[in-house]
Protein backbone atom coordinates (compact mmCIF):
# COMPACT_ATOMS: atom_id res chain seq x y z
CA MET A 1 84.36 12.84 148.10
CA SER A 2 86.67 11.12 150.52
CA GLN A 3 90.44 11.36 150.58
CA ALA A 4 90.82 7.79 149.26
CA GLU A 5 88.73 8.64 146.22
CA ASP A 6 90.87 11.71 145.53
CA ARG A 7 94.01 9.57 145.41
CA GLN A 8 92.65 7.08 142.89
CA TRP A 9 93.74 7.54 139.34
CA TYR A 10 91.10 7.62 136.68
CA LEU A 11 90.83 8.58 133.04
CA ASP A 12 88.40 11.34 132.35
CA LYS A 13 86.63 11.90 129.07
CA LYS A 14 88.30 15.30 129.01
CA VAL A 15 91.63 13.67 128.02
CA PRO A 16 91.85 14.07 124.24
CA LEU A 17 92.22 10.98 122.09
CA ALA A 18 95.08 12.68 120.24
CA LEU A 19 97.08 12.85 123.49
CA ILE A 20 96.58 9.15 124.15
CA ILE A 21 97.57 8.26 120.57
CA THR A 22 100.64 10.52 120.81
CA ILE A 23 101.84 8.90 124.04
CA VAL A 24 101.32 5.39 122.62
CA GLY A 25 103.13 6.40 119.42
CA GLN A 26 106.07 7.87 121.31
CA THR A 27 106.33 4.71 123.39
CA ILE A 28 106.41 2.56 120.26
CA VAL A 29 109.03 4.78 118.62
CA ALA A 30 111.18 4.75 121.77
CA ALA A 31 111.02 0.96 121.97
CA TRP A 32 111.89 0.67 118.27
CA GLY A 33 114.83 3.08 118.67
CA ALA A 34 116.14 1.17 121.69
CA SER A 35 115.88 -2.07 119.74
CA ASN A 36 117.89 -0.60 116.86
CA LEU A 37 120.46 0.73 119.30
CA TRP A 38 120.94 -2.68 120.95
CA THR A 39 121.25 -4.29 117.52
CA ARG A 40 123.96 -1.81 116.51
CA VAL A 41 125.83 -2.26 119.80
CA GLY A 42 125.74 -6.03 119.34
CA GLU A 43 127.10 -5.72 115.82
CA LEU A 44 129.92 -3.41 116.97
CA GLU A 45 130.85 -5.82 119.75
CA ARG A 46 130.99 -8.66 117.24
CA GLN A 47 133.21 -6.60 114.93
CA MET A 48 135.52 -5.70 117.82
CA GLN A 49 135.94 -9.37 118.71
CA ILE A 50 136.87 -10.12 115.11
CA ALA A 51 139.29 -7.17 114.93
CA ALA A 52 141.02 -7.79 118.28
CA PRO A 53 143.52 -10.38 116.99
CA GLN A 54 144.30 -8.13 114.02
CA SER A 55 145.16 -5.20 116.25
CA GLU A 56 147.65 -7.38 118.15
CA ARG A 57 149.24 -8.37 114.83
CA ILE A 58 149.44 -4.73 113.79
CA ILE A 59 151.20 -3.81 117.04
CA ARG A 60 153.76 -6.59 116.50
CA LEU A 61 154.31 -5.50 112.89
CA GLU A 62 154.79 -1.87 113.95
CA THR A 63 157.40 -2.98 116.46
CA LYS A 64 159.23 -4.98 113.78
CA VAL A 65 159.08 -2.07 111.32
CA ASP A 66 160.54 0.25 113.96
CA GLY A 67 163.40 -2.21 114.47
CA ILE A 68 164.01 -2.50 110.74
CA THR A 69 163.97 1.29 110.36
CA GLY A 70 166.57 1.61 113.09
CA SER A 71 168.75 -1.03 111.44
CA LEU A 72 168.50 0.71 108.07
CA SER A 73 169.56 3.98 109.66
CA GLU A 74 172.63 2.28 111.13
CA ILE A 75 173.49 0.69 107.77
CA LYS A 76 173.17 4.04 106.02
CA ALA A 77 175.43 5.65 108.60
CA LEU A 78 178.05 2.89 108.10
CA ILE A 79 177.90 3.28 104.32
CA ASN A 80 178.24 7.05 104.59
CA ARG A 81 181.26 6.70 106.89
CA ARG A 82 182.99 4.27 104.53
CA THR A 83 182.37 6.42 101.47
CA ASP A 84 183.67 9.48 103.36
CA GLN A 85 186.86 7.63 104.42
CA LYS A 86 187.82 6.51 100.89
CA PRO A 87 190.18 8.87 99.09
């Protein structure tokens, strides 16, 4: 046998059919899993695009609520001072 023949790849009858079926099955399962993963990623990206404007609205609302809370605290302090000053 020459060196070129030693380098060639060939399938021998000694390779069990179960091994070949297992490798093919694993390849199919891996492709199916990757497909499901890409589908889920696409769905999450779509949901994020829908939710992005809502998150901006929530941030604005939180800022307004913080301002209102501060104003209420000031009003309470003024009311408490006036009730404490009355005889």
